[in-house]
Amino acid sequence: MKHRKLAGMLVSLSLALSLPMVTFAAPPADSAADAAPIVILHTNDVHCGIDDAIGYAGLAAYKVEMEAAYGADRVTLLDAGDAIQGGALGTLSDGAFVVDIMNQAGYDLAVPGNHEFDYGMENFLTLADSRADFPWLSCNFMDLTAGTPALDPYLIQDYGDIQIAYVGISTPESLTKTAPACFQDENGNFIYGFCQGQDGALLYAAVQSAVDSARAQGADYVVAVGHLGNEGITPEYSSEAVISHTDGIDVFIDGHSHETCERSVKNAAGENVLLAQTGTKLTAVGKVVIDPASGDVSSELITDYTAKEPVMTVFLQALEAGFSDILDQVVADSEVDLTTMDPATGLRRIRNGETNLGDLVADAYRVVMGADIGMVNGGGIRADLEKGEITYEDIINVHPYGNEMCLVEATGQEILDALELGVMNYPAEDGGFQHVSGLTFTIDASVPSSVVLDESGAFAGVAGPYRVTDVLVNGQPLDLNAVYTVASHNYMIKEGGSGFSMFMDNTLLQDCTMLDNQLLIDYITDHLGGTIGSGYANPYGDGRIQVVGAAEAADAA
């Protein structure tokens, strides 16, 4: 997802949930020190949640508390991906300030999630090589030109006579869940990959090779640190699939799907592997305790922690103060709350259902760009807009990627295919779920998806009946042979993000114009008179997306 620096941006614009103890055979401990428990603290999908929930100041305080209880040399802090993107502080620094915060917190290692690449490959590699005081690991993130991993596959850390190997694993979904161009050369050839394809076999082989190598070097325990997930994830790339197709992993610390989980999963040898994930935005800190004396491996999620580490608190305040004058500027007002959530359930809706915020953004795309149709993927809308004053920071939080707006010609068939791809996983969440303007459609949930993807996750066709029906453009039936103008961002139009390859070779009428967040400001100020009014009051939108067949689909399931 193409990004601009700060100047360009502004000009253009302890309650714990416990898993029953999982026990493994323990190596002998030669001394009391070596027999002391080892504590692994973990985070995932923080997405620039600097001060959210526990926050980094709370994380730092808890780490200090654990070091006092167990010894500083027995505590490790790691992150399972998607730390540097998702809020204004990350956007305005290309993730660098978040890495600075992680350095201050004392992270020992991290794994790149798909969103670590959002500011470009060169930027990520610079952060990894020069900015971070800790290594990023991944056994399956491959430099295809060299034929070797682009990062170290694993790290072995000594705890006296006990050695733990941390094996990094990145999701192959990165190829479509960030801009595919990030992994390509100037001719569109992939020069980076994630051992994707062959129904997961290449991924499993890469993981097993790293685990075996670490064991051969003397690792007593193996902790996989993966940005893979389970809910709504390509099944063969899920953490449960990796566990079930490998052996030798004792603990799997996960990310990507924003789940809160602790459970036991059987590996290929029928042995228990502890799987844990903390959700998102530091709503929990994960704590895994390995007791070498007994072989016990236990886990808990710390969710009710209010202490703040004072040095980190001052550090964060200093960072945020540098941008406060800019970010606090009021750019518009709203008479209504605009949401990514379902108010009835409290669950996120932006990735599987219409919302008023999705309608607003799609309208902005269509109107400002002068298009027949506006389309925006739910995964690109990252924060709510509350009633009242709207600041620059609020808008950046909605659209933190800094994508650039494009206008493209597309046939009715291509538009239908894009809508079909967006609902491929419905009712499960999907970042490619499309919010629309100038267009309405119906999802028939009783029809199984027959979308075909290629090995990189890009759209390759539809093999059976479409789930999307009754498509109307400005009240008229969609003509599959007609040509329409579609406004969206470069991630979807030019780069095939989230698998939307159907537009990539089409005629561009406007190529990478203003940033998406600046366009949203312009729509509110220039076309809505500076105030979002009652027309957007319904949190479920104004009925552009209808669903039928849900009962039949539930019965079939």
Protein backbone atom coordinates (compact mmCIF):
# COMPACT_ATOMS: atom_id res chain seq x y z
CA MET A 1 0.00 0.00 0.00
CA LYS A 2 1.72 3.10 -1.19
CA HIS A 3 2.48 5.63 1.51
CA ARG A 4 3.63 9.22 1.70
CA LYS A 5 5.76 10.89 4.35
CA LEU A 6 4.34 13.35 6.87
CA ALA A 7 4.69 16.39 4.62
CA GLY A 8 2.87 14.72 1.76
CA MET A 9 0.20 13.46 4.10
CA LEU A 10 -0.56 16.89 5.46
CA VAL A 11 -0.32 18.72 2.23
CA SER A 12 -2.67 16.25 0.56
CA LEU A 13 -4.54 16.07 3.24
CA SER A 14 -4.35 -9.47 36.81
CA LEU A 15 -7.57 -11.07 35.45
CA ALA A 16 -6.27 -14.15 33.62
CA LEU A 17 -8.02 -16.67 31.38
CA SER A 18 -6.25 -19.99 31.93
CA LEU A 19 -5.86 -23.09 29.81
CA PRO A 20 -5.68 -26.40 31.67
CA MET A 21 -2.04 -27.30 32.16
CA VAL A 22 -0.35 -28.90 29.17
CA THR A 23 2.56 -31.10 30.22
CA PHE A 24 5.60 -32.16 28.23
CA ALA A 25 8.62 -34.30 29.04
CA ALA A 26 11.26 -32.07 30.60
CA PRO A 27 15.00 -32.10 30.08
CA PRO A 28 16.96 -32.55 33.31
CA ALA A 29 17.87 -29.39 35.18
CA ASP A 30 21.48 -29.34 36.40
CA SER A 31 21.10 -26.56 38.94
CA ALA A 32 18.51 -24.64 40.88
CA ALA A 33 19.06 -21.64 38.59
CA ASP A 34 18.55 -23.69 35.46
CA ALA A 35 15.43 -25.24 36.97
CA ALA A 36 13.77 -21.85 37.52
CA PRO A 37 10.70 -21.17 35.38
CA ILE A 38 11.08 -19.32 32.08
CA VAL A 39 8.47 -16.67 31.24
CA ILE A 40 7.57 -15.72 27.67
CA LEU A 41 5.47 -12.58 27.33
CA HIS A 42 3.82 -12.12 23.95
CA THR A 43 1.77 -9.61 21.98
CA ASN A 44 0.25 -9.63 18.51
CA ASP A 45 -1.70 -7.32 16.20
CA VAL A 46 -1.09 -4.23 18.31
CA HIS A 47 -1.73 -2.10 15.19
CA CYS A 48 -0.36 1.09 16.73
CA GLY A 49 -2.55 0.69 19.83
CA ILE A 50 0.00 2.74 21.73
CA ASP A 51 -2.27 3.72 24.60
CA ASP A 52 -5.16 1.30 24.02
CA ALA A 53 -6.22 -1.07 26.81
CA ILE A 54 -3.07 -2.18 28.68
CA GLY A 55 -0.93 -0.08 26.35
CA TYR A 56 2.82 -0.20 25.89
CA ALA A 57 3.35 1.55 29.25
CA GLY A 58 1.34 -1.20 30.91
CA LEU A 59 3.22 -3.89 28.99
CA ALA A 60 6.53 -2.39 30.11
CA ALA A 61 5.32 -2.32 33.72
CA TYR A 62 4.23 -5.96 33.57
CA LYS A 63 7.56 -6.97 32.08
CA VAL A 64 9.37 -5.26 34.97
CA GLU A 65 7.08 -7.07 37.41
CA MET A 66 7.83 -10.45 35.81
CA GLU A 67 11.58 -9.76 35.81
CA ALA A 68 11.44 -8.97 39.52
CA ALA A 69 9.53 -12.19 40.18
CA TYR A 70 11.48 -14.59 37.96
CA GLY A 71 14.76 -12.82 37.16
CA ALA A 72 15.54 -10.61 34.17
CA ASP A 73 17.41 -13.43 32.43
CA ARG A 74 14.32 -15.69 32.62
CA VAL A 75 11.88 -13.33 30.87
CA THR A 76 11.51 -12.93 27.10
CA LEU A 77 9.20 -10.48 25.31
CA LEU A 78 8.13 -11.10 21.72
CA ASP A 79 5.61 -9.91 19.14
CA ALA A 80 3.73 -12.06 16.61
CA GLY A 81 3.25 -9.40 13.94
CA ASP A 82 1.25 -6.38 12.77
CA ALA A 83 2.71 -3.93 15.26
CA ILE A 84 3.76 -0.93 13.17
CA GLN A 85 0.61 -0.11 11.19
CA GLY A 86 -2.90 0.93 12.11
CA GLY A 87 -2.74 4.39 13.66
CA ALA A 88 -1.46 7.90 13.11
CA LEU A 89 1.89 7.44 14.86
CA GLY A 90 2.73 4.53 12.58
CA THR A 91 1.40 6.20 9.46
CA LEU A 92 3.27 9.46 9.99
CA SER A 93 6.62 7.69 10.57
CA ASP A 94 6.34 4.69 8.24
CA GLY A 95 6.31 2.52 11.37
CA ALA A 96 9.64 3.81 12.71
CA PHE A 97 8.24 5.33 15.89
CA VAL A 98 6.50 2.07 16.78
CA VAL A 99 9.81 0.25 16.43
CA ASP A 100 11.31 2.86 18.75
CA ILE A 101 8.58 2.07 21.29
CA MET A 102 9.25 -1.66 20.96
CA ASN A 103 12.95 -0.99 21.55
CA GLN A 104 12.09 0.97 24.67
CA ALA A 105 9.82 -1.83 25.90
CA GLY A 106 12.67 -4.32 25.54
CA TYR A 107 11.33 -6.71 22.92
CA ASP A 108 13.64 -9.64 22.28
CA LEU A 109 12.24 -10.72 18.90
CA ALA A 110 9.34 -10.28 16.50
CA VAL A 111 7.80 -11.88 13.42
CA PRO A 112 6.67 -9.75 10.45
CA GLY A 113 2.93 -9.76 9.93
CA ASN A 114 1.45 -8.85 6.56
CA HIS A 115 1.06 -5.22 7.66
CA GLU A 116 4.76 -4.84 8.46
CA PHE A 117 5.15 -4.56 4.68
CA ASP A 118 2.53 -1.84 4.18
CA TYR A 119 5.09 0.93 3.89
CA GLY A 120 7.13 -0.99 1.29
CA MET A 121 9.74 -3.73 1.36
CA GLU A 122 12.70 -1.36 1.46
CA ASN A 123 11.21 0.40 4.47
CA PHE A 124 10.60 -2.86 6.35
CA LEU A 125 14.08 -4.20 5.68
CA THR A 126 15.56 -0.88 6.84
CA LEU A 127 13.55 -1.03 10.06
CA ALA A 128 14.62 -4.64 10.60
CA ASP A 129 18.29 -4.07 9.80
CA SER A 130 18.92 -0.62 11.22
CA ARG A 131 16.14 0.57 13.51
CA ALA A 132 15.12 -2.41 15.62
CA ASP A 133 17.21 -3.53 18.58
CA PHE A 134 15.71 -7.01 18.21
CA PRO A 135 15.63 -9.50 15.32
CA TRP A 136 12.64 -10.16 13.09
CA LEU A 137 12.39 -13.89 12.32
CA SER A 138 10.66 -15.88 9.59
CA CYS A 139 11.46 -19.33 8.26
CA ASN A 140 9.16 -19.04 5.22
CA PHE A 141 9.65 -15.42 4.08
CA MET A 142 11.85 -16.12 1.08
CA ASP A 143 14.12 -14.02 -1.10
CA LEU A 144 13.31 -15.82 -4.35
CA THR A 145 16.26 -14.31 -6.20
CA ALA A 146 18.74 -15.73 -3.70
CA GLY A 147 16.67 -18.82 -2.92
CA THR A 148 17.15 -18.31 0.81
CA PRO A 149 15.08 -16.95 3.72
CA ALA A 150 15.05 -13.16 3.74
CA LEU A 151 15.34 -13.18 7.54
CA ASP A 152 16.82 -15.55 10.11
CA PRO A 153 14.44 -18.54 10.39
CA TYR A 154 14.89 -18.93 14.13
CA LEU A 155 16.72 -17.72 17.20
CA ILE A 156 18.04 -19.95 20.00
CA GLN A 157 18.06 -18.23 23.36
CA ASP A 158 20.00 -19.56 26.35
CA TYR A 159 18.47 -19.69 29.82
CA GLY A 160 21.39 -21.22 31.69
CA ASP A 161 21.60 -24.81 30.49
CA ILE A 162 18.13 -24.63 28.93
CA GLN A 163 17.85 -23.52 25.32
CA ILE A 164 14.64 -22.40 23.65
CA ALA A 165 14.39 -21.95 19.89
CA TYR A 166 11.98 -19.33 18.59
CA VAL A 167 10.89 -20.15 15.03
CA GLY A 168 9.29 -17.33 13.05
CA ILE A 169 6.44 -18.01 10.58
CA SER A 170 4.76 -15.40 8.36
CA THR A 171 1.40 -15.84 6.67
CA PRO A 172 1.43 -16.57 2.94
CA GLU A 173 -1.69 -14.39 2.87
CA SER A 174 0.78 -11.49 2.97
CA LEU A 175 0.94 -11.71 -0.82
CA THR A 176 -2.61 -10.41 -1.08
CA LYS A 177 -3.26 -8.84 2.32
CA THR A 178 -0.73 -6.15 1.68
CA ALA A 179 0.06 -4.71 -1.75
CA PRO A 180 1.37 -7.53 -4.00
CA ALA A 181 3.67 -5.01 -5.68
CA CYS A 182 5.66 -4.92 -2.46
CA PHE A 183 6.91 -8.43 -3.24
CA GLN A 184 7.53 -7.86 -6.98
CA ASP A 185 10.21 -6.28 -9.13
CA GLU A 186 9.54 -3.43 -11.53
CA ASN A 187 8.31 -5.92 -14.14
CA GLY A 188 5.72 -7.47 -11.85
CA ASN A 189 7.71 -10.65 -11.18
CA PHE A 190 7.59 -11.96 -7.62
CA ILE A 191 11.00 -11.71 -5.98
CA TYR A 192 9.73 -12.51 -2.48
CA GLY A 193 7.41 -15.31 -1.38
CA PHE A 194 6.13 -17.14 1.67
CA CYS A 195 6.35 -20.85 0.69
CA GLN A 196 2.77 -20.64 -0.54
CA GLY A 197 0.99 -23.22 -2.67
CA GLN A 198 0.73 -27.01 -2.85
CA ASP A 199 -2.11 -26.97 -0.32
CA GLY A 200 0.24 -25.82 2.42
CA ALA A 201 2.89 -28.49 1.88
CA LEU A 202 5.67 -25.98 1.13
CA LEU A 203 4.85 -24.00 4.27
CA TYR A 204 4.81 -27.11 6.46
CA ALA A 205 8.14 -28.25 5.01
CA ALA A 206 9.76 -24.86 5.73
CA VAL A 207 8.53 -24.91 9.32
CA GLN A 208 9.59 -28.53 9.90
CA SER A 209 13.03 -27.83 8.46
CA ALA A 210 13.55 -24.90 10.83
CA VAL A 211 12.29 -26.89 13.82
CA ASP A 212 14.54 -29.85 12.99
CA SER A 213 17.54 -27.57 12.52
CA ALA A 214 16.93 -25.86 15.86
CA ARG A 215 16.55 -29.22 17.62
CA ALA A 216 19.79 -30.43 16.01
CA GLN A 217 21.56 -27.37 17.45
CA GLY A 218 20.48 -28.35 20.94
CA ALA A 219 17.16 -26.62 21.51
CA ASP A 220 15.34 -28.18 24.48
CA TYR A 221 12.06 -26.49 23.60
CA VAL A 222 10.71 -24.98 20.36
CA VAL A 223 8.35 -22.03 20.44
CA ALA A 224 6.79 -21.22 17.08
CA VAL A 225 5.95 -17.53 16.72
CA GLY A 226 3.53 -17.28 13.84
CA HIS A 227 1.44 -14.61 12.19
CA LEU A 228 -1.04 -17.15 10.84
CA GLY A 229 -4.34 -17.21 12.75
CA ASN A 230 -7.34 -19.54 12.39
CA GLU A 231 -10.69 -17.76 12.22
CA GLY A 232 -11.37 -16.56 8.66
CA ILE A 233 -7.94 -17.71 7.47
CA THR A 234 -7.05 -19.74 4.38
CA PRO A 235 -7.32 -23.20 5.99
CA GLU A 236 -3.99 -24.62 4.84
CA TYR A 237 -2.17 -21.54 6.12
CA SER A 238 -3.69 -21.56 9.61
CA SER A 239 -1.70 -22.16 12.76
CA GLU A 240 -3.75 -25.28 13.52
CA ALA A 241 -2.87 -26.68 10.07
CA VAL A 242 0.82 -26.02 10.63
CA ILE A 243 0.72 -27.70 14.04
CA SER A 244 -1.16 -30.74 12.71
CA HIS A 245 1.31 -31.22 9.84
CA THR A 246 4.54 -30.87 11.87
CA ASP A 247 6.13 -32.17 15.04
CA GLY A 248 8.72 -30.86 17.46
CA ILE A 249 6.89 -27.62 18.36
CA ASP A 250 6.04 -27.26 22.06
CA VAL A 251 4.27 -23.88 22.04
CA PHE A 252 2.72 -21.92 19.17
CA ILE A 253 2.29 -18.19 19.78
CA ASP A 254 -0.02 -16.83 17.10
CA GLY A 255 -1.37 -13.66 15.49
CA HIS A 256 -3.17 -12.34 12.39
CA SER A 257 -6.78 -13.33 13.09
CA HIS A 258 -7.22 -11.12 16.19
CA GLU A 259 -8.46 -14.07 18.24
CA THR A 260 -8.20 -14.40 21.99
CA CYS A 261 -7.39 -18.05 22.57
CA GLU A 262 -5.48 -20.59 24.62
CA ARG A 263 -5.99 -24.21 23.70
CA SER A 264 -4.26 -27.49 23.04
CA VAL A 265 -3.83 -28.75 19.45
CA LYS A 266 -2.51 -32.17 18.41
CA ASN A 267 0.58 -32.22 16.21
CA ALA A 268 1.42 -34.78 13.52
CA ALA A 269 2.67 -37.20 16.21
CA GLY A 270 -0.50 -36.85 18.27
CA GLU A 271 1.23 -34.75 20.96
CA ASN A 272 -0.23 -31.65 22.58
CA VAL A 273 0.92 -28.20 21.44
CA LEU A 274 -0.14 -25.12 23.36
CA LEU A 275 -1.65 -22.50 21.00
CA ALA A 276 -2.13 -18.95 22.28
CA GLN A 277 -3.11 -15.58 20.81
CA THR A 278 -3.93 -12.30 22.60
CA GLY A 279 -6.49 -10.60 20.33
CA THR A 280 -5.54 -7.10 19.20
CA LYS A 281 -4.48 -3.66 20.39
CA LEU A 282 -3.05 -4.86 23.72
CA THR A 283 -6.40 -5.89 25.16
CA ALA A 284 -4.33 -8.72 26.65
CA VAL A 285 -0.72 -9.65 27.24
CA GLY A 286 0.10 -13.31 26.78
CA LYS A 287 2.17 -15.13 29.38
CA VAL A 288 3.62 -18.60 28.80
CA VAL A 289 5.55 -20.24 31.63
CA ILE A 290 7.89 -23.14 30.95
CA ASP A 291 9.01 -24.99 34.08
CA PRO A 292 12.13 -27.01 33.18
CA ALA A 293 12.06 -28.84 36.52
CA SER A 294 8.65 -30.41 35.97
CA GLY A 295 8.17 -30.09 32.22
CA ASP A 296 4.96 -28.14 32.77
CA VAL A 297 4.03 -25.57 30.13
CA SER A 298 1.21 -23.24 31.10
CA SER A 299 -0.38 -20.14 29.68
CA GLU A 300 -2.59 -17.25 30.71
CA LEU A 301 -3.87 -14.03 29.21
CA ILE A 302 -3.44 -10.93 31.35
CA THR A 303 -6.40 -8.66 30.62
CA ASP A 304 -6.92 -6.53 33.72
CA TYR A 305 -3.66 -4.74 34.33
CA THR A 306 -3.57 -1.02 35.08
CA ALA A 307 -0.01 -0.22 36.22
CA LYS A 308 2.09 1.98 33.94
CA GLU A 309 5.88 2.04 33.71
CA PRO A 310 6.91 5.70 34.23
CA VAL A 311 9.84 5.88 31.82
CA MET A 312 7.76 4.40 29.00
CA THR A 313 4.92 6.78 29.85
CA VAL A 314 7.19 9.79 29.43
CA PHE A 315 8.69 8.29 26.25
CA LEU A 316 5.24 7.90 24.67
CA GLN A 317 4.13 11.37 25.72
CA ALA A 318 7.21 12.88 24.08
CA LEU A 319 6.58 11.05 20.82
CA GLU A 320 2.93 11.98 20.66
CA ALA A 321 3.56 15.61 21.62
CA GLY A 322 5.62 16.11 18.47
CA PHE A 323 2.52 15.65 16.32
CA SER A 324 -0.22 16.87 18.62
CA ASP A 325 -0.67 20.27 16.98
CA ILE A 326 -1.22 18.63 13.61
CA LEU A 327 -3.24 15.63 14.69
CA ASP A 328 -5.55 17.60 16.97
CA GLN A 329 -6.70 20.00 14.23
CA VAL A 330 -10.47 19.80 13.76
CA VAL A 331 -11.34 19.22 10.10
CA ALA A 332 -15.08 18.44 10.27
CA ASP A 333 -18.00 17.52 12.52
CA SER A 334 -20.48 14.66 12.71
CA GLU A 335 -24.02 14.60 14.04
CA VAL A 336 -23.93 10.79 14.22
CA ASP A 337 -21.64 7.95 15.29
CA LEU A 338 -20.13 6.18 12.29
CA THR A 339 -19.11 2.62 13.03
CA THR A 340 -17.20 -0.45 11.99
CA MET A 341 -19.13 -2.49 14.59
CA ASP A 342 -22.50 -4.18 14.92
CA PRO A 343 -24.22 -2.30 17.76
CA ALA A 344 -26.49 -5.29 18.51
CA THR A 345 -23.68 -7.81 19.02
CA GLY A 346 -20.66 -5.62 19.75
CA LEU A 347 -18.73 -7.56 17.09
CA ARG A 348 -16.87 -6.10 14.15
CA ARG A 349 -19.16 -5.81 11.11
CA ILE A 350 -17.12 -3.82 8.57
CA ARG A 351 -15.70 -7.05 7.06
CA ASN A 352 -18.98 -8.91 6.57
CA GLY A 353 -21.80 -6.40 6.51
CA GLU A 354 -22.84 -2.90 5.54
CA THR A 355 -22.27 -0.06 8.00
CA ASN A 356 -22.82 3.68 7.83
CA LEU A 357 -19.06 4.29 7.88
CA GLY A 358 -18.61 1.93 4.93
CA ASP A 359 -21.33 3.83 3.08
CA LEU A 360 -19.68 7.17 3.86
CA VAL A 361 -16.27 6.10 2.59
CA ALA A 362 -17.68 4.52 -0.58
CA ASP A 363 -19.73 7.67 -1.24
CA ALA A 364 -16.60 9.77 -0.81
CA TYR A 365 -14.74 7.66 -3.36
CA ARG A 366 -17.55 7.87 -5.93
CA VAL A 367 -18.45 11.53 -5.53
CA VAL A 368 -15.01 13.12 -5.28
CA MET A 369 -13.59 10.98 -8.10
CA GLY A 370 -16.65 11.48 -10.32
CA ALA A 371 -17.23 7.74 -10.79
CA ASP A 372 -20.28 5.63 -11.54
CA ILE A 373 -19.38 3.33 -8.66
CA GLY A 374 -17.33 3.65 -5.47
CA MET A 375 -15.88 0.52 -3.89
CA VAL A 376 -13.85 0.11 -0.70
CA ASN A 377 -12.70 -3.05 1.05
CA GLY A 378 -13.74 -3.39 4.68
CA GLY A 379 -10.17 -4.24 5.69
CA GLY A 380 -9.14 -0.73 4.66
CA ILE A 381 -11.51 0.96 7.14
CA ARG A 382 -9.76 0.70 10.47
CA ALA A 383 -11.49 2.91 13.06
CA ASP A 384 -14.83 4.46 13.99
CA LEU A 385 -15.76 8.15 13.80
CA GLU A 386 -17.58 9.32 16.89
CA LYS A 387 -20.22 12.02 16.97
CA GLY A 388 -18.78 15.50 17.45
CA GLU A 389 -15.59 17.11 16.24
CA ILE A 390 -13.45 15.12 13.78
CA THR A 391 -9.68 15.68 13.79
CA TYR A 392 -6.91 14.86 11.36
CA GLU A 393 -5.96 11.98 13.63
CA ASP A 394 -9.50 10.58 13.50
CA ILE A 395 -9.42 10.54 9.69
CA ILE A 396 -5.93 9.02 9.56
CA ASN A 397 -7.08 6.30 11.95
CA VAL A 398 -9.94 5.45 9.59
CA HIS A 399 -7.57 5.30 6.60
CA PRO A 400 -4.06 4.78 8.05
CA TYR A 401 -2.48 3.25 4.96
CA GLY A 402 -2.22 6.43 2.94
CA ASN A 403 -3.45 4.71 -0.23
CA GLU A 404 -3.86 6.76 -3.38
CA MET A 405 -7.10 7.17 -5.25
CA CYS A 406 -7.61 5.77 -8.75
CA LEU A 407 -10.39 5.84 -11.34
CA VAL A 408 -10.60 2.86 -13.68
CA GLU A 409 -12.82 1.59 -16.45
CA ALA A 410 -14.28 -1.84 -15.71
CA THR A 411 -16.82 -4.11 -17.33
CA GLY A 412 -19.94 -5.24 -15.54
CA GLN A 413 -18.47 -8.75 -15.41
CA GLU A 414 -15.34 -7.48 -13.63
CA ILE A 415 -17.46 -5.58 -11.13
CA LEU A 416 -19.57 -8.70 -10.49
CA ASP A 417 -16.40 -10.74 -10.01
CA ALA A 418 -15.05 -8.20 -7.52
CA LEU A 419 -18.26 -8.33 -5.48
CA GLU A 420 -18.20 -12.14 -5.61
CA LEU A 421 -14.62 -12.27 -4.38
CA GLY A 422 -15.55 -9.93 -1.54
CA VAL A 423 -18.25 -12.29 -0.23
CA MET A 424 -16.29 -15.50 -0.82
CA ASN A 425 -16.00 -16.19 2.92
CA TYR A 426 -19.35 -14.72 4.03
CA PRO A 427 -20.54 -14.81 6.80
CA ALA A 428 -16.97 -15.07 8.08
CA GLU A 429 -15.01 -11.84 8.16
CA ASP A 430 -12.98 -10.96 5.09
CA GLY A 431 -10.92 -7.82 4.60
CA GLY A 432 -11.94 -7.88 0.93
CA PHE A 433 -15.66 -7.46 1.70
CA GLN A 434 -16.81 -4.55 -0.46
CA HIS A 435 -18.71 -1.47 0.64
CA VAL A 436 -20.29 0.26 -2.32
CA SER A 437 -21.74 3.51 -3.60
CA GLY A 438 -23.84 3.93 -6.75
CA LEU A 439 -24.54 0.21 -6.61
CA THR A 440 -26.65 -2.26 -4.64
CA PHE A 441 -26.50 -6.05 -4.50
CA THR A 442 -27.80 -9.13 -2.71
CA ILE A 443 -25.78 -11.95 -1.12
CA ASP A 444 -27.41 -15.39 -1.35
CA ALA A 445 -25.75 -17.07 1.62
CA SER A 446 -27.29 -20.44 0.71
CA VAL A 447 -25.06 -20.63 -2.38
CA PRO A 448 -21.60 -22.04 -1.58
CA SER A 449 -18.76 -19.93 -2.85
CA SER A 450 -17.08 -21.27 -5.98
CA VAL A 451 -14.45 -18.54 -6.30
CA VAL A 452 -11.16 -19.93 -7.62
CA LEU A 453 -7.87 -18.41 -6.46
CA ASP A 454 -4.41 -19.01 -7.86
CA GLU A 455 -1.49 -20.07 -5.64
CA SER A 456 -0.72 -16.46 -4.72
CA GLY A 457 -4.32 -15.90 -3.60
CA ALA A 458 -5.35 -13.80 -6.61
CA PHE A 459 -8.77 -14.12 -8.22
CA ALA A 460 -8.75 -16.69 -11.04
CA GLY A 461 -12.47 -17.14 -11.76
CA VAL A 462 -15.77 -18.50 -10.50
CA ALA A 463 -16.41 -22.20 -11.06
CA GLY A 464 -20.12 -22.32 -10.24
CA PRO A 465 -23.14 -20.16 -9.38
CA TYR A 466 -22.55 -16.68 -8.05
CA ARG A 467 -23.53 -15.78 -4.50
CA VAL A 468 -23.97 -12.16 -5.59
CA THR A 469 -27.28 -11.45 -7.31
CA ASP A 470 -29.58 -8.54 -8.19
CA VAL A 471 -26.80 -6.06 -8.84
CA LEU A 472 -28.13 -2.62 -9.69
CA VAL A 473 -26.09 0.40 -10.81
CA ASN A 474 -27.95 3.59 -10.07
CA GLY A 475 -31.15 1.55 -9.98
CA GLN A 476 -30.58 -0.25 -13.29
CA PRO A 477 -29.51 -3.91 -13.70
CA LEU A 478 -25.77 -4.39 -14.08
CA ASP A 479 -24.87 -4.96 -17.74
CA LEU A 480 -22.03 -7.50 -17.80
CA ASN A 481 -20.81 -6.21 -21.16
CA ALA A 482 -21.07 -2.49 -20.42
CA VAL A 483 -18.15 -0.37 -19.22
CA TYR A 484 -18.46 1.59 -15.99
CA THR A 485 -16.10 3.86 -14.08
CA VAL A 486 -15.02 2.60 -10.67
CA ALA A 487 -13.27 4.63 -7.98
CA SER A 488 -11.12 2.92 -5.37
CA HIS A 489 -7.55 3.03 -4.12
CA ASN A 490 -4.35 1.78 -5.71
CA TYR A 491 -4.22 -1.25 -3.38
CA MET A 492 -7.29 -2.72 -5.07
CA ILE A 493 -7.23 -1.14 -8.53
CA LYS A 494 -3.55 -1.31 -9.47
CA GLU A 495 -1.90 -3.75 -7.09
CA GLY A 496 -4.39 -6.59 -6.83
CA GLY A 497 -4.56 -6.35 -3.04
CA SER A 498 -6.75 -8.93 -1.28
CA GLY A 499 -6.77 -10.89 -4.54
CA PHE A 500 -8.58 -8.25 -6.65
CA SER A 501 -6.60 -8.89 -9.83
CA MET A 502 -9.53 -8.22 -12.20
CA PHE A 503 -8.82 -4.48 -12.50
CA MET A 504 -5.03 -4.52 -12.82
CA ASP A 505 -4.81 -4.35 -16.64
CA ASN A 506 -7.73 -1.98 -17.17
CA THR A 507 -7.66 1.56 -18.49
CA LEU A 508 -6.82 4.04 -15.74
CA LEU A 509 -8.59 7.37 -16.13
CA GLN A 510 -6.99 8.81 -12.98
CA ASP A 511 -3.84 7.21 -11.65
CA CYS A 512 -2.86 7.62 -7.99
CA THR A 513 -4.22 11.08 -7.31
CA MET A 514 -4.93 12.26 -3.76
CA LEU A 515 -4.53 10.16 -0.63
CA ASP A 516 -7.64 8.31 0.53
CA ASN A 517 -7.69 10.05 3.91
CA GLN A 518 -7.46 13.50 2.30
CA LEU A 519 -10.26 12.56 -0.09
CA LEU A 520 -12.44 11.63 2.88
CA ILE A 521 -11.80 15.04 4.41
CA ASP A 522 -12.60 16.74 1.09
CA TYR A 523 -15.88 14.86 0.77
CA ILE A 524 -17.04 15.88 4.22
CA THR A 525 -15.95 19.49 3.92
CA ASP A 526 -16.71 20.22 0.25
CA HIS A 527 -19.71 17.99 -0.44
CA LEU A 528 -21.37 17.65 2.98
CA GLY A 529 -20.74 21.21 4.10
CA GLY A 530 -18.31 20.15 6.81
CA THR A 531 -20.85 18.10 8.77
CA ILE A 532 -21.86 14.44 8.48
CA GLY A 533 -25.61 14.57 8.94
CA SER A 534 -28.59 12.35 9.70
CA GLY A 535 -28.45 10.68 6.29
CA TYR A 536 -25.75 8.46 7.73
CA ALA A 537 -27.47 7.88 11.08
CA ASN A 538 -28.33 4.18 10.63
CA PRO A 539 -25.31 2.14 11.82
CA TYR A 540 -26.33 -0.62 9.39
CA GLY A 541 -26.23 1.72 6.41
CA ASP A 542 -29.03 2.51 4.00
CA GLY A 543 -29.67 -0.95 2.60
CA ARG A 544 -27.19 -1.19 -0.27
CA ILE A 545 -26.29 -4.79 0.64
CA GLN A 546 -29.07 -7.31 1.27
CA VAL A 547 -28.64 -10.91 2.50
CA VAL A 548 -30.94 -13.83 1.70
CA GLY A 549 -30.59 -17.56 2.31
CA ALA A 550 -28.89 -17.17 5.68
CA ALA A 551 -31.28 -19.60 7.37
CA GLU A 552 -30.76 -22.22 4.67
CA ALA A 553 -26.99 -21.83 4.97
CA ALA A 554 -27.16 -22.25 8.74
CA ASP A 555 -29.30 -25.38 8.40
CA ALA A 556 -26.85 -26.85 5.89
CA ALA A 557 -23.94 -26.15 8.22
